[in-house]
Amino acid sequence: MKHLALRVIGEEHAALRAVLYSLEEVAQKPASTLVAEDFEAMRAMLVYIAEYPEKLHHKKESEALFPMVLARSHELKSVIKELDDQHERGESAVWSLMHSLMLWEMLGSGRQKTFVNELKKYKEFYLNHMKVETEVVIPVAEDVLTEDDWEIIDSIFALNKDPLTGHQPSLEFEGLFRKISSYVSAHEGS
């Protein structure tokens, strides 16, 4: 890919997609087979979503990419407004999932279905959100942005890269990413 920002967006979308599918896979395990480690892994995945995609990835899109696209073309004004609105609602949706997970863990398997249903809705919402960014916004960005625009956007997307895409996590999040990675590695193919 020609521009670093587009490569970063692609990598971060792929990491989030993998986490969402992994989270759903764990959440759908039969209640009788769930162990404490499964709940710990689901909590870690939700914290990852709240801290990286919701706070850092979206910020880069909403504060760098989207305004630059709008400065060059008003064609996507309503689409970008909707994406920004979704960014605003995303973090509270993750914390709602965290609350639902906590209720399941604390009150028992009768709450599993509620969590799984809420997670499915969130996953579909997020997959659609990423699809609009990839299939609608990025093609227009590639058409209308100048090399100078891309230089600015690339420099912003070079910061705070997602550790699940192979970049070194900050010390603050090192344990979180180790938990997610070790859980996923231990359960691949099972």
N, C-alpha and C. Protein backbone atom coordinates (compact mmCIF):
# COMPACT_ATOMS: atom_id res chain seq x y z
N MET A 1 0.84 -1.17 0.00
CA MET A 1 0.00 0.00 0.00
C MET A 1 0.89 1.24 0.00
N LYS A 2 0.51 2.21 -0.76
CA LYS A 2 1.32 3.40 -0.97
C LYS A 2 1.46 4.25 0.28
N HIS A 3 0.40 4.40 1.05
CA HIS A 3 0.42 5.31 2.19
C HIS A 3 0.41 4.54 3.50
N LEU A 4 1.28 4.96 4.40
CA LEU A 4 1.40 4.31 5.71
C LEU A 4 0.05 4.29 6.43
N ALA A 5 -0.68 5.38 6.40
CA ALA A 5 -1.96 5.45 7.10
C ALA A 5 -2.91 4.36 6.64
N LEU A 6 -2.95 4.10 5.35
CA LEU A 6 -3.86 3.07 4.84
C LEU A 6 -3.41 1.68 5.27
N ARG A 7 -2.12 1.46 5.34
CA ARG A 7 -1.60 0.17 5.83
C ARG A 7 -1.95 0.00 7.30
N VAL A 8 -1.77 1.06 8.09
CA VAL A 8 -2.09 1.01 9.52
C VAL A 8 -3.58 0.76 9.72
N ILE A 9 -4.42 1.47 8.98
CA ILE A 9 -5.87 1.25 9.08
C ILE A 9 -6.20 -0.21 8.77
N GLY A 10 -5.64 -0.74 7.70
CA GLY A 10 -5.89 -2.13 7.34
C GLY A 10 -5.44 -3.10 8.42
N GLU A 11 -4.25 -2.87 8.97
CA GLU A 11 -3.73 -3.75 10.03
C GLU A 11 -4.60 -3.66 11.29
N GLU A 12 -4.98 -2.44 11.65
CA GLU A 12 -5.78 -2.26 12.87
C GLU A 12 -7.18 -2.82 12.69
N HIS A 13 -7.76 -2.68 11.51
CA HIS A 13 -9.06 -3.29 11.25
C HIS A 13 -8.96 -4.82 11.33
N ALA A 14 -7.90 -5.38 10.78
CA ALA A 14 -7.72 -6.84 10.82
C ALA A 14 -7.56 -7.33 12.26
N ALA A 15 -6.79 -6.59 13.06
CA ALA A 15 -6.61 -6.97 14.47
C ALA A 15 -7.94 -6.92 15.22
N LEU A 16 -8.70 -5.86 15.00
CA LEU A 16 -9.98 -5.74 15.68
C LEU A 16 -10.94 -6.84 15.23
N ARG A 17 -10.97 -7.11 13.93
CA ARG A 17 -11.82 -8.18 13.40
C ARG A 17 -11.46 -9.51 14.08
N ALA A 18 -10.18 -9.81 14.20
CA ALA A 18 -9.74 -11.05 14.83
C ALA A 18 -10.17 -11.11 16.30
N VAL A 19 -10.05 -9.99 17.00
CA VAL A 19 -10.45 -9.96 18.40
C VAL A 19 -11.96 -10.16 18.53
N LEU A 20 -12.73 -9.52 17.67
CA LEU A 20 -14.19 -9.67 17.73
C LEU A 20 -14.61 -11.12 17.48
N TYR A 21 -14.00 -11.77 16.49
CA TYR A 21 -14.35 -13.16 16.21
C TYR A 21 -13.88 -14.07 17.34
N SER A 22 -12.70 -13.80 17.90
CA SER A 22 -12.20 -14.61 19.03
C SER A 22 -13.10 -14.44 20.24
N LEU A 23 -13.49 -13.21 20.50
CA LEU A 23 -14.38 -12.93 21.63
C LEU A 23 -15.70 -13.67 21.46
N GLU A 24 -16.25 -13.62 20.26
CA GLU A 24 -17.52 -14.32 20.00
C GLU A 24 -17.35 -15.83 20.16
N GLU A 25 -16.24 -16.35 19.69
CA GLU A 25 -16.00 -17.80 19.80
C GLU A 25 -15.96 -18.24 21.27
N VAL A 26 -15.25 -17.47 22.10
CA VAL A 26 -15.18 -17.81 23.52
C VAL A 26 -16.56 -17.68 24.16
N ALA A 27 -17.26 -16.61 23.84
CA ALA A 27 -18.57 -16.35 24.45
C ALA A 27 -19.60 -17.42 24.12
N GLN A 28 -19.43 -18.09 22.99
CA GLN A 28 -20.41 -19.10 22.58
C GLN A 28 -20.06 -20.52 23.05
N LYS A 29 -18.99 -20.65 23.82
CA LYS A 29 -18.66 -21.97 24.35
C LYS A 29 -19.80 -22.45 25.25
N PRO A 30 -20.03 -23.74 25.28
CA PRO A 30 -21.05 -24.24 26.22
C PRO A 30 -20.72 -23.81 27.64
N ALA A 31 -21.73 -23.38 28.36
CA ALA A 31 -21.53 -22.86 29.72
C ALA A 31 -20.76 -23.85 30.60
N SER A 32 -21.00 -25.13 30.40
CA SER A 32 -20.36 -26.15 31.25
C SER A 32 -18.85 -26.25 31.00
N THR A 33 -18.36 -25.70 29.89
CA THR A 33 -16.93 -25.80 29.59
C THR A 33 -16.16 -24.52 29.90
N LEU A 34 -16.87 -23.45 30.25
CA LEU A 34 -16.21 -22.18 30.54
C LEU A 34 -15.45 -22.24 31.85
N VAL A 35 -14.28 -21.66 31.85
CA VAL A 35 -13.45 -21.58 33.06
C VAL A 35 -13.09 -20.12 33.30
N ALA A 36 -12.51 -19.85 34.46
CA ALA A 36 -12.15 -18.47 34.83
C ALA A 36 -11.26 -17.82 33.76
N GLU A 37 -10.35 -18.60 33.18
CA GLU A 37 -9.45 -18.08 32.15
C GLU A 37 -10.24 -17.53 30.94
N ASP A 38 -11.36 -18.16 30.61
CA ASP A 38 -12.19 -17.68 29.50
C ASP A 38 -12.75 -16.28 29.79
N PHE A 39 -13.22 -16.08 31.00
CA PHE A 39 -13.76 -14.78 31.37
C PHE A 39 -12.65 -13.73 31.41
N GLU A 40 -11.48 -14.13 31.91
CA GLU A 40 -10.34 -13.21 31.93
C GLU A 40 -9.96 -12.81 30.51
N ALA A 41 -9.96 -13.76 29.60
CA ALA A 41 -9.63 -13.46 28.20
C ALA A 41 -10.66 -12.53 27.57
N MET A 42 -11.95 -12.77 27.85
CA MET A 42 -12.99 -11.90 27.28
C MET A 42 -12.87 -10.48 27.84
N ARG A 43 -12.59 -10.37 29.14
CA ARG A 43 -12.38 -9.04 29.72
C ARG A 43 -11.19 -8.35 29.06
N ALA A 44 -10.11 -9.08 28.88
CA ALA A 44 -8.91 -8.50 28.25
C ALA A 44 -9.22 -8.02 26.83
N MET A 45 -9.99 -8.81 26.08
CA MET A 45 -10.33 -8.41 24.71
C MET A 45 -11.19 -7.16 24.71
N LEU A 46 -12.12 -7.06 25.64
CA LEU A 46 -12.97 -5.86 25.71
C LEU A 46 -12.17 -4.63 26.14
N VAL A 47 -11.24 -4.82 27.06
CA VAL A 47 -10.38 -3.69 27.45
C VAL A 47 -9.53 -3.25 26.26
N TYR A 48 -9.01 -4.21 25.51
CA TYR A 48 -8.27 -3.87 24.29
C TYR A 48 -9.12 -3.01 23.35
N ILE A 49 -10.36 -3.44 23.10
CA ILE A 49 -11.24 -2.70 22.19
C ILE A 49 -11.48 -1.29 22.73
N ALA A 50 -11.72 -1.17 24.03
CA ALA A 50 -11.98 0.14 24.63
C ALA A 50 -10.77 1.05 24.57
N GLU A 51 -9.59 0.49 24.74
CA GLU A 51 -8.38 1.32 24.85
C GLU A 51 -7.67 1.59 23.52
N TYR A 52 -7.72 0.67 22.59
CA TYR A 52 -7.01 0.92 21.32
C TYR A 52 -7.94 1.35 20.21
N PRO A 53 -8.80 0.48 19.68
CA PRO A 53 -9.65 0.96 18.59
C PRO A 53 -10.51 2.16 18.98
N GLU A 54 -11.14 2.09 20.14
CA GLU A 54 -12.07 3.15 20.51
C GLU A 54 -11.38 4.48 20.82
N LYS A 55 -10.24 4.44 21.49
CA LYS A 55 -9.60 5.70 21.90
C LYS A 55 -8.52 6.18 20.93
N LEU A 56 -7.76 5.27 20.34
CA LEU A 56 -6.64 5.70 19.50
C LEU A 56 -6.94 5.60 18.02
N HIS A 57 -7.44 4.47 17.56
CA HIS A 57 -7.72 4.28 16.14
C HIS A 57 -8.77 5.29 15.67
N HIS A 58 -9.87 5.37 16.38
CA HIS A 58 -10.93 6.29 15.97
C HIS A 58 -10.48 7.74 16.01
N LYS A 59 -9.69 8.07 17.00
CA LYS A 59 -9.19 9.44 17.13
C LYS A 59 -8.40 9.83 15.88
N LYS A 60 -7.54 8.93 15.42
CA LYS A 60 -6.73 9.22 14.23
C LYS A 60 -7.62 9.42 13.01
N GLU A 61 -8.65 8.62 12.88
CA GLU A 61 -9.56 8.76 11.75
C GLU A 61 -10.35 10.07 11.84
N SER A 62 -10.94 10.31 13.01
CA SER A 62 -11.82 11.46 13.19
C SER A 62 -11.08 12.80 13.21
N GLU A 63 -9.84 12.80 13.67
CA GLU A 63 -9.11 14.06 13.78
C GLU A 63 -8.12 14.30 12.64
N ALA A 64 -7.82 13.27 11.85
CA ALA A 64 -6.84 13.45 10.77
C ALA A 64 -7.44 13.11 9.41
N LEU A 65 -7.78 11.86 9.21
CA LEU A 65 -8.24 11.42 7.89
C LEU A 65 -9.54 12.08 7.46
N PHE A 66 -10.56 11.98 8.29
CA PHE A 66 -11.88 12.48 7.90
C PHE A 66 -11.88 13.99 7.60
N PRO A 67 -11.28 14.83 8.46
CA PRO A 67 -11.28 16.26 8.15
C PRO A 67 -10.54 16.59 6.86
N MET A 68 -9.45 15.87 6.58
CA MET A 68 -8.70 16.12 5.34
C MET A 68 -9.54 15.76 4.13
N VAL A 69 -10.27 14.64 4.22
CA VAL A 69 -11.14 14.24 3.11
C VAL A 69 -12.22 15.30 2.91
N LEU A 70 -12.83 15.75 4.00
CA LEU A 70 -13.89 16.77 3.90
C LEU A 70 -13.36 18.11 3.38
N ALA A 71 -12.10 18.42 3.67
CA ALA A 71 -11.51 19.66 3.18
C ALA A 71 -11.35 19.64 1.66
N ARG A 72 -11.22 18.44 1.09
CA ARG A 72 -11.01 18.31 -0.35
C ARG A 72 -12.28 17.96 -1.11
N SER A 73 -13.28 17.41 -0.39
CA SER A 73 -14.52 17.00 -1.05
C SER A 73 -15.64 16.93 -0.03
N HIS A 74 -16.79 17.45 -0.42
CA HIS A 74 -17.96 17.39 0.47
C HIS A 74 -18.86 16.20 0.14
N GLU A 75 -18.42 15.40 -0.79
CA GLU A 75 -19.19 14.24 -1.26
C GLU A 75 -19.58 13.29 -0.12
N LEU A 76 -18.72 13.15 0.87
CA LEU A 76 -18.95 12.17 1.93
C LEU A 76 -19.36 12.81 3.25
N LYS A 77 -19.84 14.03 3.21
CA LYS A 77 -20.16 14.75 4.44
C LYS A 77 -21.08 13.95 5.35
N SER A 78 -22.17 13.43 4.82
CA SER A 78 -23.12 12.69 5.68
C SER A 78 -22.55 11.34 6.12
N VAL A 79 -21.79 10.69 5.25
CA VAL A 79 -21.17 9.41 5.61
C VAL A 79 -20.16 9.61 6.74
N ILE A 80 -19.32 10.61 6.62
CA ILE A 80 -18.31 10.87 7.65
C ILE A 80 -18.97 11.32 8.95
N LYS A 81 -20.03 12.09 8.86
CA LYS A 81 -20.74 12.48 10.08
C LYS A 81 -21.27 11.24 10.79
N GLU A 82 -21.84 10.31 10.04
CA GLU A 82 -22.34 9.07 10.65
C GLU A 82 -21.20 8.25 11.26
N LEU A 83 -20.07 8.15 10.56
CA LEU A 83 -18.93 7.42 11.10
C LEU A 83 -18.42 8.07 12.39
N ASP A 84 -18.33 9.41 12.38
CA ASP A 84 -17.91 10.12 13.60
C ASP A 84 -18.90 9.89 14.73
N ASP A 85 -20.20 9.92 14.42
CA ASP A 85 -21.21 9.64 15.44
C ASP A 85 -21.04 8.23 16.00
N GLN A 86 -20.74 7.28 15.13
CA GLN A 86 -20.50 5.90 15.58
C GLN A 86 -19.26 5.84 16.47
N HIS A 87 -18.22 6.60 16.11
CA HIS A 87 -17.04 6.66 16.97
C HIS A 87 -17.41 7.17 18.36
N GLU A 88 -18.27 8.17 18.41
CA GLU A 88 -18.69 8.73 19.69
C GLU A 88 -19.44 7.70 20.54
N ARG A 89 -20.25 6.89 19.90
CA ARG A 89 -21.06 5.90 20.63
C ARG A 89 -20.30 4.60 20.95
N GLY A 90 -19.21 4.37 20.25
CA GLY A 90 -18.51 3.10 20.36
C GLY A 90 -18.00 2.75 21.73
N GLU A 91 -17.37 3.72 22.39
CA GLU A 91 -16.77 3.41 23.69
C GLU A 91 -17.83 3.02 24.71
N SER A 92 -18.97 3.71 24.72
CA SER A 92 -20.02 3.35 25.68
C SER A 92 -20.59 1.97 25.35
N ALA A 93 -20.62 1.61 24.07
CA ALA A 93 -21.10 0.28 23.68
C ALA A 93 -20.17 -0.80 24.22
N VAL A 94 -18.87 -0.55 24.21
CA VAL A 94 -17.91 -1.53 24.75
C VAL A 94 -18.09 -1.67 26.25
N TRP A 95 -18.28 -0.55 26.93
CA TRP A 95 -18.45 -0.64 28.38
C TRP A 95 -19.78 -1.29 28.74
N SER A 96 -20.76 -1.17 27.89
CA SER A 96 -22.01 -1.89 28.09
C SER A 96 -21.77 -3.40 27.96
N LEU A 97 -20.95 -3.77 26.98
CA LEU A 97 -20.58 -5.19 26.84
C LEU A 97 -19.82 -5.68 28.07
N MET A 98 -18.91 -4.86 28.57
CA MET A 98 -18.14 -5.23 29.76
C MET A 98 -19.09 -5.46 30.94
N HIS A 99 -20.07 -4.60 31.09
CA HIS A 99 -21.05 -4.74 32.17
C HIS A 99 -21.85 -6.03 31.99
N SER A 100 -22.26 -6.30 30.77
CA SER A 100 -23.01 -7.51 30.47
C SER A 100 -22.17 -8.76 30.77
N LEU A 101 -20.90 -8.69 30.44
CA LEU A 101 -19.99 -9.81 30.74
C LEU A 101 -19.86 -10.00 32.25
N MET A 102 -19.72 -8.91 32.97
CA MET A 102 -19.60 -8.99 34.42
C MET A 102 -20.86 -9.62 35.03
N LEU A 103 -22.03 -9.24 34.53
CA LEU A 103 -23.27 -9.83 35.03
C LEU A 103 -23.30 -11.33 34.76
N TRP A 104 -22.87 -11.73 33.58
CA TRP A 104 -22.83 -13.16 33.24
C TRP A 104 -21.89 -13.89 34.20
N GLU A 105 -20.70 -13.33 34.37
CA GLU A 105 -19.71 -13.99 35.22
C GLU A 105 -20.18 -14.07 36.67
N MET A 106 -20.79 -13.01 37.16
CA MET A 106 -21.17 -12.95 38.58
C MET A 106 -22.52 -13.63 38.87
N LEU A 107 -23.45 -13.58 37.90
CA LEU A 107 -24.80 -14.09 38.16
C LEU A 107 -25.08 -15.44 37.51
N GLY A 108 -24.16 -15.90 36.68
CA GLY A 108 -24.31 -17.24 36.14
C GLY A 108 -24.70 -17.32 34.68
N SER A 109 -24.76 -18.56 34.23
CA SER A 109 -24.94 -18.86 32.80
C SER A 109 -26.26 -18.37 32.23
N GLY A 110 -27.23 -18.04 33.07
CA GLY A 110 -28.48 -17.48 32.59
C GLY A 110 -28.28 -16.14 31.87
N ARG A 111 -27.13 -15.50 32.09
CA ARG A 111 -26.81 -14.22 31.47
C ARG A 111 -25.96 -14.36 30.20
N GLN A 112 -25.55 -15.58 29.89
CA GLN A 112 -24.69 -15.80 28.73
C GLN A 112 -25.36 -15.36 27.43
N LYS A 113 -26.61 -15.74 27.25
CA LYS A 113 -27.32 -15.43 26.01
C LYS A 113 -27.43 -13.92 25.79
N THR A 114 -27.68 -13.18 26.85
CA THR A 114 -27.76 -11.72 26.76
C THR A 114 -26.44 -11.15 26.26
N PHE A 115 -25.34 -11.61 26.86
CA PHE A 115 -24.02 -11.13 26.44
C PHE A 115 -23.75 -11.50 24.99
N VAL A 116 -23.99 -12.74 24.63
CA VAL A 116 -23.73 -13.20 23.25
C VAL A 116 -24.55 -12.38 22.25
N ASN A 117 -25.80 -12.13 22.54
CA ASN A 117 -26.64 -11.33 21.63
C ASN A 117 -26.13 -9.90 21.50
N GLU A 118 -25.76 -9.30 22.62
CA GLU A 118 -25.23 -7.93 22.61
C GLU A 118 -23.92 -7.89 21.83
N LEU A 119 -23.09 -8.90 22.03
CA LEU A 119 -21.81 -8.98 21.32
C LEU A 119 -22.02 -9.14 19.82
N LYS A 120 -22.97 -9.98 19.42
CA LYS A 120 -23.25 -10.16 17.99
C LYS A 120 -23.66 -8.84 17.35
N LYS A 121 -24.52 -8.09 18.01
CA LYS A 121 -24.95 -6.79 17.49
C LYS A 121 -23.76 -5.84 17.36
N TYR A 122 -22.92 -5.82 18.39
CA TYR A 122 -21.76 -4.94 18.37
C TYR A 122 -20.80 -5.35 17.24
N LYS A 123 -20.58 -6.65 17.11
CA LYS A 123 -19.67 -7.14 16.06
C LYS A 123 -20.19 -6.75 14.68
N GLU A 124 -21.46 -6.96 14.42
CA GLU A 124 -22.03 -6.60 13.12
C GLU A 124 -21.96 -5.10 12.87
N PHE A 125 -22.26 -4.32 13.91
CA PHE A 125 -22.15 -2.87 13.82
C PHE A 125 -20.73 -2.48 13.43
N TYR A 126 -19.76 -3.07 14.12
CA TYR A 126 -18.37 -2.70 13.90
C TYR A 126 -17.86 -3.17 12.54
N LEU A 127 -18.23 -4.37 12.14
CA LEU A 127 -17.81 -4.86 10.82
C LEU A 127 -18.38 -3.98 9.71
N ASN A 128 -19.62 -3.55 9.86
CA ASN A 128 -20.22 -2.65 8.88
C ASN A 128 -19.51 -1.30 8.88
N HIS A 129 -19.20 -0.80 10.06
CA HIS A 129 -18.49 0.47 10.21
C HIS A 129 -17.15 0.42 9.46
N MET A 130 -16.40 -0.63 9.69
CA MET A 130 -15.10 -0.77 9.02
C MET A 130 -15.26 -0.91 7.51
N LYS A 131 -16.32 -1.60 7.09
CA LYS A 131 -16.57 -1.77 5.66
C LYS A 131 -16.83 -0.43 4.98
N VAL A 132 -17.61 0.43 5.62
CA VAL A 132 -17.88 1.76 5.06
C VAL A 132 -16.58 2.56 4.97
N GLU A 133 -15.78 2.50 6.02
CA GLU A 133 -14.50 3.22 5.97
C GLU A 133 -13.63 2.72 4.82
N THR A 134 -13.54 1.39 4.68
CA THR A 134 -12.68 0.78 3.68
C THR A 134 -13.21 0.94 2.26
N GLU A 135 -14.50 0.74 2.09
CA GLU A 135 -15.06 0.71 0.73
C GLU A 135 -15.61 2.05 0.25
N VAL A 136 -15.87 2.97 1.17
CA VAL A 136 -16.44 4.26 0.76
C VAL A 136 -15.44 5.40 0.99
N VAL A 137 -14.95 5.54 2.22
CA VAL A 137 -14.10 6.69 2.55
C VAL A 137 -12.71 6.57 1.93
N ILE A 138 -12.07 5.43 2.09
CA ILE A 138 -10.69 5.31 1.61
C ILE A 138 -10.57 5.51 0.10
N PRO A 139 -11.45 4.94 -0.73
CA PRO A 139 -11.33 5.22 -2.16
C PRO A 139 -11.43 6.71 -2.50
N VAL A 140 -12.33 7.42 -1.83
CA VAL A 140 -12.43 8.86 -2.07
C VAL A 140 -11.16 9.56 -1.58
N ALA A 141 -10.68 9.15 -0.40
CA ALA A 141 -9.44 9.74 0.12
C ALA A 141 -8.29 9.57 -0.86
N GLU A 142 -8.19 8.38 -1.45
CA GLU A 142 -7.11 8.13 -2.41
C GLU A 142 -7.25 9.02 -3.65
N ASP A 143 -8.48 9.36 -3.99
CA ASP A 143 -8.72 10.21 -5.17
C ASP A 143 -8.48 11.69 -4.90
N VAL A 144 -8.86 12.17 -3.70
CA VAL A 144 -8.87 13.62 -3.50
C VAL A 144 -7.70 14.17 -2.69
N LEU A 145 -7.06 13.36 -1.88
CA LEU A 145 -5.99 13.87 -1.03
C LEU A 145 -4.69 14.05 -1.82
N THR A 146 -3.95 15.08 -1.45
CA THR A 146 -2.67 15.36 -2.09
C THR A 146 -1.56 14.62 -1.36
N GLU A 147 -0.38 14.60 -1.95
CA GLU A 147 0.77 13.98 -1.29
C GLU A 147 1.08 14.69 0.03
N ASP A 148 0.93 16.00 0.06
CA ASP A 148 1.14 16.75 1.31
C ASP A 148 0.13 16.33 2.38
N ASP A 149 -1.12 16.14 1.97
CA ASP A 149 -2.15 15.66 2.90
C ASP A 149 -1.74 14.30 3.47
N TRP A 150 -1.33 13.41 2.58
CA TRP A 150 -0.97 12.06 3.01
C TRP A 150 0.25 12.08 3.93
N GLU A 151 1.16 12.98 3.70
CA GLU A 151 2.34 13.07 4.56
C GLU A 151 1.92 13.40 6.00
N ILE A 152 0.99 14.33 6.14
CA ILE A 152 0.47 14.69 7.47
C ILE A 152 -0.28 13.52 8.08
N ILE A 153 -1.17 12.92 7.32
CA ILE A 153 -1.98 11.80 7.82
C ILE A 153 -1.08 10.62 8.19
N ASP A 154 -0.12 10.30 7.34
CA ASP A 154 0.80 9.20 7.62
C ASP A 154 1.55 9.43 8.92
N SER A 155 2.00 10.66 9.16
CA SER A 155 2.75 10.94 10.39
C SER A 155 1.88 10.73 11.63
N ILE A 156 0.61 11.06 11.52
CA ILE A 156 -0.31 10.86 12.65
C ILE A 156 -0.59 9.38 12.86
N PHE A 157 -0.79 8.64 11.78
CA PHE A 157 -1.08 7.20 11.91
C PHE A 157 0.16 6.40 12.31
N ALA A 158 1.34 6.99 12.19
CA ALA A 158 2.56 6.30 12.61
C ALA A 158 2.67 6.25 14.14
N LEU A 159 1.91 7.11 14.82
CA LEU A 159 1.92 7.15 16.28
C LEU A 159 0.95 6.12 16.84
N ASN A 160 1.23 5.63 18.03
CA ASN A 160 0.30 4.75 18.76
C ASN A 160 -0.18 3.57 17.93
N LYS A 161 0.72 2.87 17.28
CA LYS A 161 0.31 1.71 16.49
C LYS A 161 -0.17 0.59 17.41
N ASP A 162 -1.13 -0.12 16.92
CA ASP A 162 -1.79 -1.19 17.66
C ASP A 162 -0.82 -2.35 17.91
N PRO A 163 -0.58 -2.71 19.16
CA PRO A 163 0.33 -3.81 19.46
C PRO A 163 -0.11 -5.16 18.89
N LEU A 164 -1.40 -5.36 18.68
CA LEU A 164 -1.86 -6.62 18.11
C LEU A 164 -1.52 -6.73 16.62
N THR A 165 -0.97 -5.67 16.04
CA THR A 165 -0.53 -5.72 14.65
C THR A 165 0.98 -5.95 14.57
N GLY A 166 1.58 -6.28 15.70
CA GLY A 166 3.00 -6.60 15.71
C GLY A 166 3.90 -5.48 16.22
N HIS A 167 3.33 -4.41 16.72
CA HIS A 167 4.11 -3.30 17.23
C HIS A 167 4.27 -3.45 18.74
N GLN A 168 5.33 -2.92 19.27
CA GLN A 168 5.63 -3.02 20.70
C GLN A 168 4.58 -2.27 21.52
N PRO A 169 3.92 -2.95 22.46
CA PRO A 169 2.95 -2.25 23.30
C PRO A 169 3.66 -1.35 24.31
N SER A 170 2.97 -0.34 24.77
CA SER A 170 3.51 0.48 25.85
C SER A 170 3.58 -0.41 27.09
N LEU A 171 4.44 -0.05 28.02
CA LEU A 171 4.58 -0.85 29.25
C LEU A 171 3.24 -0.99 29.97
N GLU A 172 2.43 0.06 29.90
CA GLU A 172 1.14 0.05 30.57
C GLU A 172 0.25 -1.10 30.07
N PHE A 173 0.35 -1.43 28.79
CA PHE A 173 -0.54 -2.43 28.21
C PHE A 173 0.15 -3.76 27.89
N GLU A 174 1.40 -3.88 28.22
CA GLU A 174 2.14 -5.10 27.88
C GLU A 174 1.47 -6.36 28.43
N GLY A 175 1.05 -6.33 29.68
CA GLY A 175 0.39 -7.49 30.29
C GLY A 175 -0.92 -7.84 29.60
N LEU A 176 -1.68 -6.82 29.23
CA LEU A 176 -2.95 -7.04 28.55
C LEU A 176 -2.73 -7.78 27.23
N PHE A 177 -1.77 -7.32 26.44
CA PHE A 177 -1.54 -7.95 25.15
C PHE A 177 -0.94 -9.34 25.29
N ARG A 178 -0.16 -9.54 26.34
CA ARG A 178 0.37 -10.88 26.61
C ARG A 178 -0.78 -11.84 26.93
N LYS A 179 -1.76 -11.39 27.72
CA LYS A 179 -2.92 -12.23 28.07
C LYS A 179 -3.71 -12.61 26.82
N ILE A 180 -4.00 -11.62 26.00
CA ILE A 180 -4.79 -11.89 24.79
C ILE A 180 -4.02 -12.84 23.87
N SER A 181 -2.76 -12.54 23.62
CA SER A 181 -1.94 -13.35 22.71
C SER A 181 -1.79 -14.77 23.21
N SER A 182 -1.52 -14.93 24.51
CA SER A 182 -1.31 -16.29 25.03
C SER A 182 -2.62 -17.08 25.01
N TYR A 183 -3.73 -16.43 25.30
CA TYR A 183 -5.02 -17.12 25.26
C TYR A 183 -5.34 -17.58 23.84
N VAL A 184 -5.20 -16.66 22.88
CA VAL A 184 -5.52 -16.99 21.49
C VAL A 184 -4.59 -18.09 21.00
N SER A 185 -3.29 -17.98 21.30
CA SER A 185 -2.33 -19.01 20.87
C SER A 185 -2.66 -20.38 21.46
N ALA A 186 -3.03 -20.39 22.74
CA ALA A 186 -3.34 -21.65 23.40
C ALA A 186 -4.61 -22.31 22.87
N HIS A 187 -5.50 -21.51 22.27
CA HIS A 187 -6.79 -22.05 21.83
C HIS A 187 -6.93 -22.13 20.31
N GLU A 188 -5.88 -21.81 19.59
CA GLU A 188 -5.95 -21.93 18.13
C GLU A 188 -6.08 -23.41 17.76
N GLY A 189 -7.00 -23.66 16.88
CA GLY A 189 -7.20 -25.03 16.42
C GLY A 189 -7.98 -25.91 17.36
N SER A 190 -8.41 -25.36 18.52
CA SER A 190 -9.17 -26.21 19.45
C SER A 190 -10.65 -26.10 19.21
